[in-house]
Amino acid sequence: MFNKKSKNMFLMGAIAAITAATTMTAYAEPAEVTINAYFNNYNIIINGTDKSKTPEDSRPFIYNERTYVPLRYIGESLGKEVIWDGDTSTIYINDQDTDDENTNSESYESTDTNQQMDDALEQYRSIVGQADTYQYDPYGYATPSGKYRYALIRMQSDDTVPTLFLEQESTDGMYYMRAFKYDINTKEIHQPAEGLTEGVGQVGGFRGGIGIAGDGNGLIIMEGGSRGYATFYRVTLDGDTLEKNVEWDGNMFQSDPGISTTEIDWHDISDLSAFSDWSVNGEKSINVYFDNYNIIINGEDKSDAPEDSKPFIYNSRTYIPLRYISELLGKDVNWDGETSTIYINESDISNDEMPEQAETDTVNEPITDGERIVLTGTVGAYSFDEVLALQGVTYPNPDPGSEKYKTFYLIVLDTPQTVTANNADGELDSRTAKIIDVSYADDMVQYVGQHITFSIDPHMTGWPSDTSLPLGEPSTRDIHILN
């Protein structure tokens, strides 16, 4: 969705942890599921040697309070030979000098995804540098304002490189967007002829907003008119084609579309910092494949993993909890949260410089505040138009009145969360909230632009009984800032 502040919505902040992966090229119809994983930059120290530079497509992450790593990467970093037998769905892990005749060795080609990323970004920089030479409005009617911006978006959670989107602003308040996708095989750029449009048209009643699909599968574009009627489309990229399919259609004030989006992080073309800063850190919805594997370590069957430590396939790699596989291999695993470092040592090695570690590699205990609801999000000051853009809606009332000139102090939550608050009948009602309106809370201006953890009292918080902004989101005067 269009946002002049170009802020990210619903992204979790950095979470300390680690992982590693292995290639799996054959498996027996594993079940695909979508999970929420937490990515960040981690350090991995094995017997005093830094092994932190995992390939881009083998990055570790946290899931279910476990640090998952690519099995092959961590096994080979520990001096083991890792072999996959697709016929029996068996992973063999042997000492380097062990020759197991029962295994079916399969070569493992580690693609240089860092180089692929560098190549893609180099071509994208060139495209951004000539942004004014492309055709954006498919009909050629729009008059460009001279302003252009760009975004790097991973259209699928397992895409090796992101897709570049360029957007042109027109003098009539519309924004025309087109895609450019680097092909890692041909090293060429795909340029779909189809474009996307967002903004508020001065004639014809068109209103549109675009965001990243919350499940990581493409974009979501909302096109609507007055009185809350809207159509949501899912936009995916297939080679040289942008495919647009209806996801939901109806009146948003009578039925919840139930569609989660993440705001696009736009950058003016004069600001090329995104090319050096671009990463996939934070919370991501990713598709993984669960299956039953046999794990044989030096001839001993270690397949009976606990239910919460079962391996799965992600990004064509077999991931497994780091602590589980390392301890199976006789190693000590310790986590230093202050430096985001995993230490893996031989069980008889002591590391005097290694700080005292936690017992597990889980995230910190959640913050609580009595019976109050604890939330995290980013505080912002928004104009009337910016709130509409933030929510991707059109104003449902004939006359905005004083709201048109109001400054809204809103906390955009990192992720949609169930919030209990008073409804119009004075009864507690639990609904999903994406934004908390704190316009009437004391001294919120000092927190604008800050990411905070805070708590609210359900009894002092209310769901709206009308169509005032922000639409359908709770408001409160009572807020405790916890960090």
Protein backbone atom coordinates (compact mmCIF):
# COMPACT_ATOMS: atom_id res chain seq x y z
CA MET A 1 0.00 0.00 0.00
CA PHE A 2 1.20 3.51 -0.75
CA ASN A 3 2.80 5.20 2.25
CA LYS A 4 4.77 8.44 1.94
CA LYS A 5 6.83 7.51 4.96
CA SER A 6 7.94 4.27 3.27
CA LYS A 7 7.76 2.30 6.50
CA ASN A 8 7.68 -1.46 6.89
CA MET A 9 4.55 -2.90 8.51
CA PHE A 10 4.17 -6.12 10.43
CA LEU A 11 7.88 -7.07 10.33
CA MET A 12 9.35 -8.46 13.53
CA GLY A 13 12.55 -6.87 14.79
CA ALA A 14 15.81 -8.78 14.83
CA ILE A 15 15.78 -11.98 16.89
CA ALA A 16 19.05 -13.59 17.91
CA ALA A 17 19.75 -17.20 16.80
CA ILE A 18 21.30 -19.52 14.15
CA THR A 19 20.83 -22.33 11.53
CA ALA A 20 22.24 -24.33 8.57
CA ALA A 21 20.99 -26.66 5.63
CA THR A 22 21.51 -29.56 3.21
CA THR A 23 20.35 -30.32 -0.33
CA MET A 24 17.55 -32.84 -0.73
CA THR A 25 16.79 -33.72 -4.31
CA ALA A 26 14.43 -36.64 -3.75
CA TYR A 27 11.65 -37.23 -1.24
CA ALA A 28 8.38 -39.11 -1.15
CA GLU A 29 5.57 -36.62 -1.49
CA PRO A 30 6.25 -34.56 1.65
CA ALA A 31 3.46 -32.43 3.04
CA GLU A 32 3.74 -28.68 2.41
CA VAL A 33 2.93 -26.31 5.25
CA THR A 34 3.42 -22.59 5.86
CA ILE A 35 5.31 -21.52 8.97
CA ASN A 36 6.46 -18.20 10.43
CA ALA A 37 10.24 -18.15 10.76
CA TYR A 38 12.55 -15.46 12.19
CA PHE A 39 15.61 -14.59 10.12
CA ASN A 40 18.58 -12.56 11.31
CA ASN A 41 22.33 -12.29 10.89
CA TYR A 42 24.07 -14.78 13.16
CA ASN A 43 27.59 -15.81 14.05
CA ILE A 44 28.56 -19.50 14.15
CA ILE A 45 31.81 -20.41 15.90
CA ILE A 46 32.87 -24.08 15.59
CA ASN A 47 35.86 -25.11 17.69
CA GLY A 48 37.04 -21.50 17.59
CA THR A 49 36.65 -21.12 13.80
CA ASP A 50 34.17 -18.63 12.37
CA LYS A 51 31.66 -20.46 10.15
CA SER A 52 29.15 -17.62 9.94
CA LYS A 53 29.16 -17.09 6.18
CA THR A 54 26.41 -19.50 5.15
CA PRO A 55 25.19 -19.23 1.54
CA GLU A 56 22.31 -16.80 1.07
CA ASP A 57 19.92 -19.65 0.26
CA SER A 58 20.94 -21.56 3.41
CA ARG A 59 20.37 -18.90 6.06
CA PRO A 60 19.53 -20.09 9.58
CA PHE A 61 16.28 -19.07 11.27
CA ILE A 62 14.18 -19.66 14.39
CA TYR A 63 11.00 -21.70 14.26
CA ASN A 64 9.01 -23.06 17.22
CA GLU A 65 11.72 -21.74 19.59
CA ARG A 66 14.33 -23.85 17.82
CA THR A 67 17.27 -22.64 15.75
CA TYR A 68 17.14 -24.46 12.41
CA VAL A 69 20.23 -24.94 10.26
CA PRO A 70 21.01 -26.67 6.93
CA LEU A 71 22.10 -30.16 7.89
CA ARG A 72 24.76 -30.54 5.20
CA TYR A 73 26.38 -27.19 5.99
CA ILE A 74 26.65 -27.81 9.71
CA GLY A 75 27.67 -31.46 9.23
CA GLU A 76 30.49 -30.63 6.85
CA SER A 77 31.57 -27.71 9.05
CA LEU A 78 31.99 -30.28 11.84
CA GLY A 79 34.23 -32.39 9.60
CA LYS A 80 31.59 -34.97 8.68
CA GLU A 81 30.64 -36.48 5.35
CA VAL A 82 26.92 -35.98 4.61
CA ILE A 83 25.29 -38.29 2.04
CA TRP A 84 21.67 -38.49 0.91
CA ASP A 85 20.10 -41.72 -0.33
CA GLY A 86 16.89 -40.79 -2.12
CA ASP A 87 15.77 -44.39 -2.61
CA THR A 88 15.44 -44.99 1.13
CA SER A 89 14.99 -41.37 2.33
CA THR A 90 18.09 -41.78 4.46
CA ILE A 91 20.71 -39.23 5.51
CA TYR A 92 24.11 -40.75 6.26
CA ILE A 93 26.54 -38.74 8.40
CA ASN A 94 29.97 -40.30 8.67
CA ASP A 95 33.44 -39.39 9.82
CA GLN A 96 35.48 -38.28 6.80
CA ASP A 97 37.50 -41.51 6.75
CA THR A 98 34.45 -43.80 6.98
CA ASP A 99 33.48 -45.70 3.82
CA ASP A 100 29.87 -46.88 4.00
CA GLU A 101 29.13 -49.08 1.01
CA ASN A 102 25.39 -48.94 1.72
CA THR A 103 25.10 -45.28 0.88
CA ASN A 104 24.25 -43.77 -2.47
CA SER A 105 26.49 -40.73 -2.67
CA GLU A 106 25.03 -37.74 -4.46
CA SER A 107 27.06 -34.67 -5.32
CA TYR A 108 26.14 -31.38 -3.71
CA GLU A 109 26.61 -28.25 -5.76
CA SER A 110 26.62 -25.11 -3.66
CA THR A 111 25.46 -22.25 -5.85
CA ASP A 112 27.09 -18.90 -5.25
CA THR A 113 23.92 -17.08 -4.35
CA ASN A 114 25.87 -14.10 -3.04
CA GLN A 115 27.24 -13.62 -6.57
CA GLN A 116 23.75 -14.06 -8.03
CA MET A 117 22.46 -11.40 -5.66
CA ASP A 118 25.32 -9.04 -6.59
CA ASP A 119 24.64 -9.55 -10.30
CA ALA A 120 20.93 -8.90 -9.87
CA LEU A 121 21.43 -5.75 -7.80
CA GLU A 122 23.98 -4.40 -10.28
CA GLN A 123 21.47 -4.68 -13.12
CA TYR A 124 18.72 -3.24 -10.94
CA ARG A 125 20.87 -0.19 -10.17
CA SER A 126 21.24 0.41 -13.89
CA ILE A 127 17.46 0.17 -14.38
CA VAL A 128 16.78 2.61 -11.54
CA GLY A 129 19.33 4.99 -13.07
CA GLN A 130 17.23 5.23 -16.21
CA ALA A 131 13.81 5.10 -14.57
CA ASP A 132 12.39 7.90 -16.73
CA THR A 133 12.98 5.95 -19.96
CA TYR A 134 10.36 3.24 -19.33
CA GLN A 135 6.65 3.20 -20.19
CA TYR A 136 4.51 2.98 -17.04
CA ASP A 137 0.96 4.03 -17.97
CA PRO A 138 -0.19 1.30 -20.40
CA TYR A 139 -2.50 3.76 -22.17
CA GLY A 140 -0.03 6.65 -22.36
CA TYR A 141 -2.53 9.17 -20.97
CA ALA A 142 -0.76 10.03 -17.70
CA THR A 143 1.48 13.08 -17.36
CA PRO A 144 4.56 12.17 -15.27
CA SER A 145 5.28 14.42 -12.30
CA GLY A 146 8.99 13.63 -12.57
CA LYS A 147 9.05 11.59 -9.36
CA TYR A 148 10.04 7.92 -9.33
CA ARG A 149 10.66 5.40 -6.60
CA TYR A 150 11.68 1.75 -6.36
CA ALA A 151 11.32 -1.29 -4.09
CA LEU A 152 13.02 -4.67 -3.85
CA ILE A 153 10.46 -7.38 -3.13
CA ARG A 154 10.83 -11.14 -2.80
CA MET A 155 7.75 -12.30 -4.71
CA GLN A 156 8.06 -15.83 -3.28
CA SER A 157 9.58 -16.60 0.11
CA ASP A 158 12.17 -18.91 -1.48
CA ASP A 159 13.20 -16.60 -4.34
CA THR A 160 17.00 -16.42 -4.56
CA VAL A 161 16.92 -12.76 -5.60
CA PRO A 162 14.21 -10.11 -5.18
CA THR A 163 12.15 -8.51 -7.91
CA LEU A 164 12.66 -4.81 -8.66
CA PHE A 165 9.54 -2.65 -8.85
CA LEU A 166 9.68 0.87 -10.28
CA GLU A 167 6.83 3.31 -9.75
CA GLN A 168 6.11 6.57 -11.56
CA GLU A 169 4.00 9.33 -10.02
CA SER A 170 1.63 11.21 -12.33
CA THR A 171 0.29 14.73 -11.96
CA ASP A 172 -3.25 13.41 -11.41
CA GLY A 173 -2.38 11.59 -8.17
CA MET A 174 -1.95 8.12 -9.66
CA TYR A 175 1.06 5.81 -9.41
CA TYR A 176 2.01 3.40 -12.17
CA MET A 177 4.19 0.42 -11.27
CA ARG A 178 6.12 -2.11 -13.35
CA ALA A 179 8.31 -5.12 -12.51
CA PHE A 180 11.83 -6.25 -13.43
CA LYS A 181 13.04 -9.73 -12.42
CA TYR A 182 16.61 -11.00 -12.75
CA ASP A 183 16.79 -14.59 -14.04
CA ILE A 184 19.59 -16.41 -12.18
CA ASN A 185 19.88 -18.98 -15.00
CA THR A 186 20.04 -16.74 -18.08
CA LYS A 187 21.34 -13.67 -16.18
CA GLU A 188 18.79 -11.60 -18.07
CA ILE A 189 15.99 -9.32 -16.87
CA HIS A 190 12.34 -10.27 -17.33
CA GLN A 191 10.16 -7.20 -17.96
CA PRO A 192 6.44 -8.08 -17.82
CA ALA A 193 4.34 -5.93 -20.11
CA GLU A 194 1.60 -5.77 -17.49
CA GLY A 195 1.71 -2.97 -14.94
CA LEU A 196 -0.06 -2.16 -11.68
CA THR A 197 -1.81 1.03 -10.63
CA GLU A 198 -2.48 2.59 -7.24
CA GLY A 199 -3.65 5.91 -5.91
CA VAL A 200 -6.86 7.94 -5.96
CA GLY A 201 -8.11 8.97 -9.37
CA GLN A 202 -9.45 12.48 -9.85
CA VAL A 203 -12.05 11.12 -12.23
CA GLY A 204 -13.78 7.77 -12.52
CA GLY A 205 -13.65 6.98 -8.80
CA PHE A 206 -10.66 4.58 -9.00
CA ARG A 207 -8.91 3.88 -5.70
CA GLY A 208 -6.16 1.35 -5.30
CA GLY A 209 -3.44 0.25 -2.90
CA ILE A 210 -0.69 -2.36 -3.16
CA GLY A 211 1.05 -4.37 -0.44
CA ILE A 212 3.11 -7.54 -0.05
CA ALA A 213 1.00 -10.62 0.66
CA GLY A 214 1.34 -11.60 4.31
CA ASP A 215 1.89 -15.26 3.39
CA GLY A 216 4.86 -14.35 1.18
CA ASN A 217 3.12 -15.35 -2.04
CA GLY A 218 3.19 -12.31 -4.33
CA LEU A 219 1.46 -8.96 -3.90
CA ILE A 220 -2.04 -7.98 -2.85
CA ILE A 221 -3.69 -5.12 -4.77
CA MET A 222 -6.91 -3.54 -3.56
CA GLU A 223 -9.14 -1.75 -6.03
CA GLY A 224 -12.25 -0.06 -4.69
CA GLY A 225 -14.74 2.73 -4.94
CA SER A 226 -17.03 4.39 -2.44
CA ARG A 227 -18.95 2.93 0.51
CA GLY A 228 -16.40 0.25 1.28
CA TYR A 229 -16.81 -1.95 -1.79
CA ALA A 230 -13.50 -3.40 -2.92
CA THR A 231 -11.85 -6.22 -4.81
CA PHE A 232 -8.58 -7.73 -3.62
CA TYR A 233 -6.31 -9.36 -6.21
CA ARG A 234 -3.28 -11.57 -5.67
CA VAL A 235 -0.48 -10.69 -8.10
CA THR A 236 2.21 -13.26 -8.85
CA LEU A 237 5.12 -13.27 -11.28
CA ASP A 238 5.56 -16.05 -13.83
CA GLY A 239 8.49 -15.34 -16.14
CA ASP A 240 7.49 -12.37 -18.29
CA THR A 241 3.91 -12.30 -17.00
CA LEU A 242 2.30 -10.65 -13.99
CA GLU A 243 -0.73 -12.78 -13.13
CA LYS A 244 -3.64 -11.12 -11.33
CA ASN A 245 -6.35 -13.27 -9.69
CA VAL A 246 -9.31 -12.26 -7.50
CA GLU A 247 -8.70 -13.08 -3.84
CA TRP A 248 -11.77 -11.41 -2.28
CA ASP A 249 -14.64 -9.20 -3.38
CA GLY A 250 -17.25 -7.42 -1.26
CA ASN A 251 -17.96 -4.66 1.22
CA MET A 252 -15.17 -4.31 3.76
CA PHE A 253 -17.50 -2.77 6.34
CA GLN A 254 -19.86 -5.71 6.24
CA SER A 255 -17.28 -8.52 6.00
CA ASP A 256 -13.62 -8.83 6.92
CA PRO A 257 -11.49 -9.76 3.88
CA GLY A 258 -9.13 -11.59 6.22
CA ILE A 259 -6.17 -10.64 4.05
CA SER A 260 -2.83 -9.84 5.68
CA THR A 261 -0.31 -7.59 3.95
CA THR A 262 3.11 -6.11 4.61
CA GLU A 263 3.74 -2.57 3.49
CA ILE A 264 6.13 -2.03 0.60
CA ASP A 265 9.40 -0.32 1.55
CA TRP A 266 9.71 2.34 -1.16
CA HIS A 267 12.84 4.39 -1.88
CA ASP A 268 13.26 7.49 -4.00
CA ILE A 269 15.48 6.74 -6.99
CA SER A 270 18.01 9.26 -5.66
CA ASP A 271 18.52 7.00 -2.62
CA LEU A 272 20.35 3.80 -3.58
CA SER A 273 20.92 2.63 0.01
CA ALA A 274 18.40 -0.21 -0.39
CA PHE A 275 20.83 -2.02 -2.67
CA SER A 276 23.41 -2.30 0.11
CA ASP A 277 20.97 -2.65 2.99
CA TRP A 278 18.55 -5.13 1.40
CA SER A 279 18.05 -8.29 3.44
CA VAL A 280 15.37 -10.72 4.51
CA ASN A 281 15.83 -10.29 8.24
CA GLY A 282 12.76 -10.42 10.43
CA GLU A 283 9.65 -12.58 10.49
CA LYS A 284 8.77 -14.32 7.24
CA SER A 285 6.08 -16.77 6.21
CA ILE A 286 7.83 -19.59 4.38
CA ASN A 287 6.68 -22.85 2.83
CA VAL A 288 8.38 -25.99 4.12
CA TYR A 289 7.92 -29.70 3.47
CA PHE A 290 7.73 -32.17 6.34
CA ASP A 291 8.63 -35.79 5.75
CA ASN A 292 10.00 -38.81 7.60
CA TYR A 293 13.74 -39.31 7.23
CA ASN A 294 16.21 -41.86 8.51
CA ILE A 295 19.39 -40.43 10.00
CA ILE A 296 22.36 -42.79 10.27
CA ILE A 297 25.44 -41.47 12.11
CA ASN A 298 28.55 -43.65 11.75
CA GLY A 299 26.30 -46.65 11.20
CA GLU A 300 24.03 -45.95 14.20
CA ASP A 301 20.34 -45.20 13.62
CA LYS A 302 19.44 -41.78 15.09
CA SER A 303 16.12 -41.37 13.29
CA ASP A 304 13.90 -41.13 16.37
CA ALA A 305 13.90 -37.33 16.65
CA PRO A 306 11.49 -35.65 19.10
CA GLU A 307 8.31 -34.39 17.43
CA ASP A 308 9.40 -30.75 17.81
CA SER A 309 12.81 -31.49 16.25
CA LYS A 310 11.75 -33.26 13.07
CA PRO A 311 13.72 -32.19 9.97
CA PHE A 312 12.00 -30.51 7.04
CA ILE A 313 12.84 -29.21 3.59
CA TYR A 314 13.10 -25.47 2.91
CA ASN A 315 14.69 -23.83 -0.12
CA SER A 316 15.80 -27.28 -1.42
CA ARG A 317 17.75 -27.83 1.79
CA THR A 318 17.11 -30.20 4.69
CA TYR A 319 16.88 -28.13 7.89
CA ILE A 320 17.15 -29.56 11.38
CA PRO A 321 17.40 -27.96 14.87
CA LEU A 322 21.02 -26.96 15.42
CA ARG A 323 21.23 -28.12 19.02
CA TYR A 324 19.64 -31.48 18.25
CA ILE A 325 21.98 -32.46 15.39
CA SER A 326 25.09 -31.03 17.07
CA GLU A 327 24.49 -32.95 20.28
CA LEU A 328 23.83 -36.13 18.25
CA LEU A 329 27.35 -35.61 16.89
CA GLY A 330 28.74 -35.28 20.41
CA LYS A 331 29.18 -31.51 20.47
CA ASP A 332 28.42 -28.88 23.10
CA VAL A 333 26.16 -26.06 21.88
CA ASN A 334 25.97 -22.68 23.62
CA TRP A 335 24.16 -19.47 22.70
CA ASP A 336 25.39 -15.92 23.43
CA GLY A 337 22.40 -13.60 22.99
CA GLU A 338 24.39 -10.38 23.42
CA THR A 339 26.54 -11.07 20.35
CA SER A 340 24.06 -13.29 18.46
CA THR A 341 26.65 -16.06 18.42
CA ILE A 342 26.33 -19.86 18.50
CA TYR A 343 29.35 -21.71 19.90
CA ILE A 344 29.78 -25.36 18.93
CA ASN A 345 32.68 -27.17 20.58
CA GLU A 346 33.94 -30.68 21.15
CA SER A 347 32.37 -31.88 24.40
CA ASP A 348 35.79 -32.01 26.10
CA ILE A 349 36.88 -28.52 24.90
CA SER A 350 36.54 -25.55 27.22
CA ASN A 351 36.48 -22.04 25.83
CA ASP A 352 37.65 -19.58 28.49
CA GLU A 353 36.63 -16.63 26.34
CA MET A 354 33.14 -17.94 25.74
CA PRO A 355 30.58 -16.23 28.00
CA GLU A 356 28.28 -18.23 30.20
CA GLN A 357 25.49 -19.49 27.97
CA ALA A 358 21.83 -20.21 28.33
CA GLU A 359 20.58 -23.79 28.61
CA THR A 360 18.64 -23.58 25.34
CA ASP A 361 18.72 -21.67 22.09
CA THR A 362 15.22 -20.30 22.48
CA VAL A 363 14.22 -16.65 22.28
CA ASN A 364 13.93 -14.55 25.44
CA GLU A 365 10.91 -14.96 27.69
CA PRO A 366 8.05 -12.72 26.59
CA ILE A 367 7.48 -9.43 28.39
CA THR A 368 4.37 -9.34 30.59
CA ASP A 369 2.57 -6.55 32.42
CA GLY A 370 0.07 -8.12 34.77
CA GLU A 371 -3.24 -8.81 33.02
CA ARG A 372 -2.67 -6.08 30.45
CA ILE A 373 -2.18 -6.94 26.78
CA VAL A 374 1.46 -6.58 25.67
CA LEU A 375 2.12 -5.55 22.06
CA THR A 376 5.01 -4.32 19.90
CA GLY A 377 4.89 -1.87 17.05
CA THR A 378 6.11 1.40 15.56
CA VAL A 379 4.66 4.78 16.52
CA GLY A 380 3.84 7.18 13.72
CA ALA A 381 2.11 10.53 13.14
CA TYR A 382 -0.20 10.33 10.13
CA SER A 383 -2.33 12.76 8.18
CA PHE A 384 -5.86 11.95 7.02
CA ASP A 385 -4.65 10.85 3.58
CA GLU A 386 -1.77 8.84 5.03
CA VAL A 387 -4.13 6.84 7.26
CA LEU A 388 -6.25 5.95 4.22
CA ALA A 389 -3.11 4.91 2.35
CA LEU A 390 -1.86 2.97 5.37
CA GLN A 391 -5.07 0.93 5.52
CA GLY A 392 -5.51 0.77 1.76
CA VAL A 393 -9.10 1.99 1.95
CA THR A 394 -11.24 4.87 0.74
CA TYR A 395 -13.05 7.15 3.15
CA PRO A 396 -16.57 5.71 3.65
CA ASN A 397 -18.33 8.90 4.79
CA PRO A 398 -19.64 11.72 2.57
CA ASP A 399 -17.77 14.44 4.48
CA PRO A 400 -14.59 13.90 6.50
CA GLY A 401 -15.22 17.03 8.57
CA SER A 402 -12.52 17.75 11.15
CA GLU A 403 -10.85 14.38 10.54
CA LYS A 404 -9.45 15.84 7.32
CA TYR A 405 -7.15 18.12 9.35
CA LYS A 406 -6.41 15.82 12.28
CA THR A 407 -3.02 14.31 13.10
CA PHE A 408 -3.41 10.63 13.96
CA TYR A 409 -0.97 9.04 16.37
CA LEU A 410 -0.99 5.34 15.56
CA ILE A 411 1.04 2.31 16.58
CA VAL A 412 1.36 -0.07 13.64
CA LEU A 413 1.76 -3.54 15.16
CA ASP A 414 4.61 -5.79 14.02
CA THR A 415 2.09 -8.52 13.27
CA PRO A 416 -1.72 -8.62 13.44
CA GLN A 417 -2.69 -9.69 16.96
CA THR A 418 -5.83 -10.61 18.86
CA VAL A 419 -6.84 -7.71 21.08
CA THR A 420 -9.62 -7.72 23.69
CA ALA A 421 -11.40 -4.38 24.14
CA ASN A 422 -14.82 -2.89 24.85
CA ASN A 423 -17.34 -2.93 22.02
CA ALA A 424 -20.18 -0.48 21.48
CA ASP A 425 -22.34 -2.37 24.03
CA GLY A 426 -19.70 -2.04 26.74
CA GLU A 427 -18.80 -5.73 26.57
CA LEU A 428 -15.32 -7.17 26.07
CA ASP A 429 -14.85 -8.36 22.51
CA SER A 430 -11.78 -10.07 20.99
CA ARG A 431 -10.84 -9.22 17.41
CA THR A 432 -7.72 -9.02 15.27
CA ALA A 433 -5.99 -5.63 15.30
CA LYS A 434 -3.22 -4.29 13.05
CA ILE A 435 -3.14 -0.75 14.47
CA ILE A 436 -3.70 0.80 17.90
CA ASP A 437 -4.97 4.39 17.84
CA VAL A 438 -3.27 6.37 20.64
CA SER A 439 -4.18 9.84 19.37
CA TYR A 440 -5.69 10.77 22.73
CA ALA A 441 -3.03 9.18 24.94
CA ASP A 442 -0.64 11.53 26.74
CA ASP A 443 2.77 12.49 25.31
CA MET A 444 2.85 10.09 22.37
CA VAL A 445 4.55 12.64 20.12
CA GLN A 446 7.90 11.87 21.81
CA TYR A 447 7.74 8.28 20.58
CA VAL A 448 7.05 9.01 16.90
CA GLY A 449 9.33 6.91 14.72
CA GLN A 450 10.27 4.56 17.56
CA HIS A 451 9.68 0.81 17.75
CA ILE A 452 8.25 0.12 21.21
CA THR A 453 6.89 -2.63 23.41
CA PHE A 454 3.82 -1.44 25.27
CA SER A 455 0.74 -2.67 27.14
CA ILE A 456 -2.92 -1.68 27.16
CA ASP A 457 -5.80 -2.34 29.55
CA PRO A 458 -8.68 -4.11 27.77
CA HIS A 459 -11.18 -2.24 29.93
CA MET A 460 -9.68 1.12 28.90
CA THR A 461 -9.54 0.25 25.20
CA GLY A 462 -12.46 0.34 22.76
CA TRP A 463 -13.47 -0.89 19.36
CA PRO A 464 -14.99 1.83 17.14
CA SER A 465 -18.76 2.04 16.81
CA ASP A 466 -18.61 4.13 13.62
CA THR A 467 -16.49 4.53 10.48
CA SER A 468 -13.99 7.06 11.82
CA LEU A 469 -10.28 6.59 11.10
CA PRO A 470 -8.45 4.29 11.44
CA LEU A 471 -11.25 2.06 10.20
CA GLY A 472 -12.11 -0.87 12.44
CA GLU A 473 -9.06 -0.51 14.72
CA PRO A 474 -9.13 -0.08 18.53
CA SER A 475 -8.15 3.08 20.38
CA THR A 476 -6.91 3.70 23.89
CA ARG A 477 -5.86 6.54 26.19
CA ASP A 478 -4.21 4.15 28.63
CA ILE A 479 -0.78 2.91 27.54
CA HIS A 480 2.30 1.69 29.41
CA ILE A 481 5.61 1.97 27.52
CA LEU A 482 7.66 -1.09 28.55
CA ASN A 483 10.89 -0.38 26.64
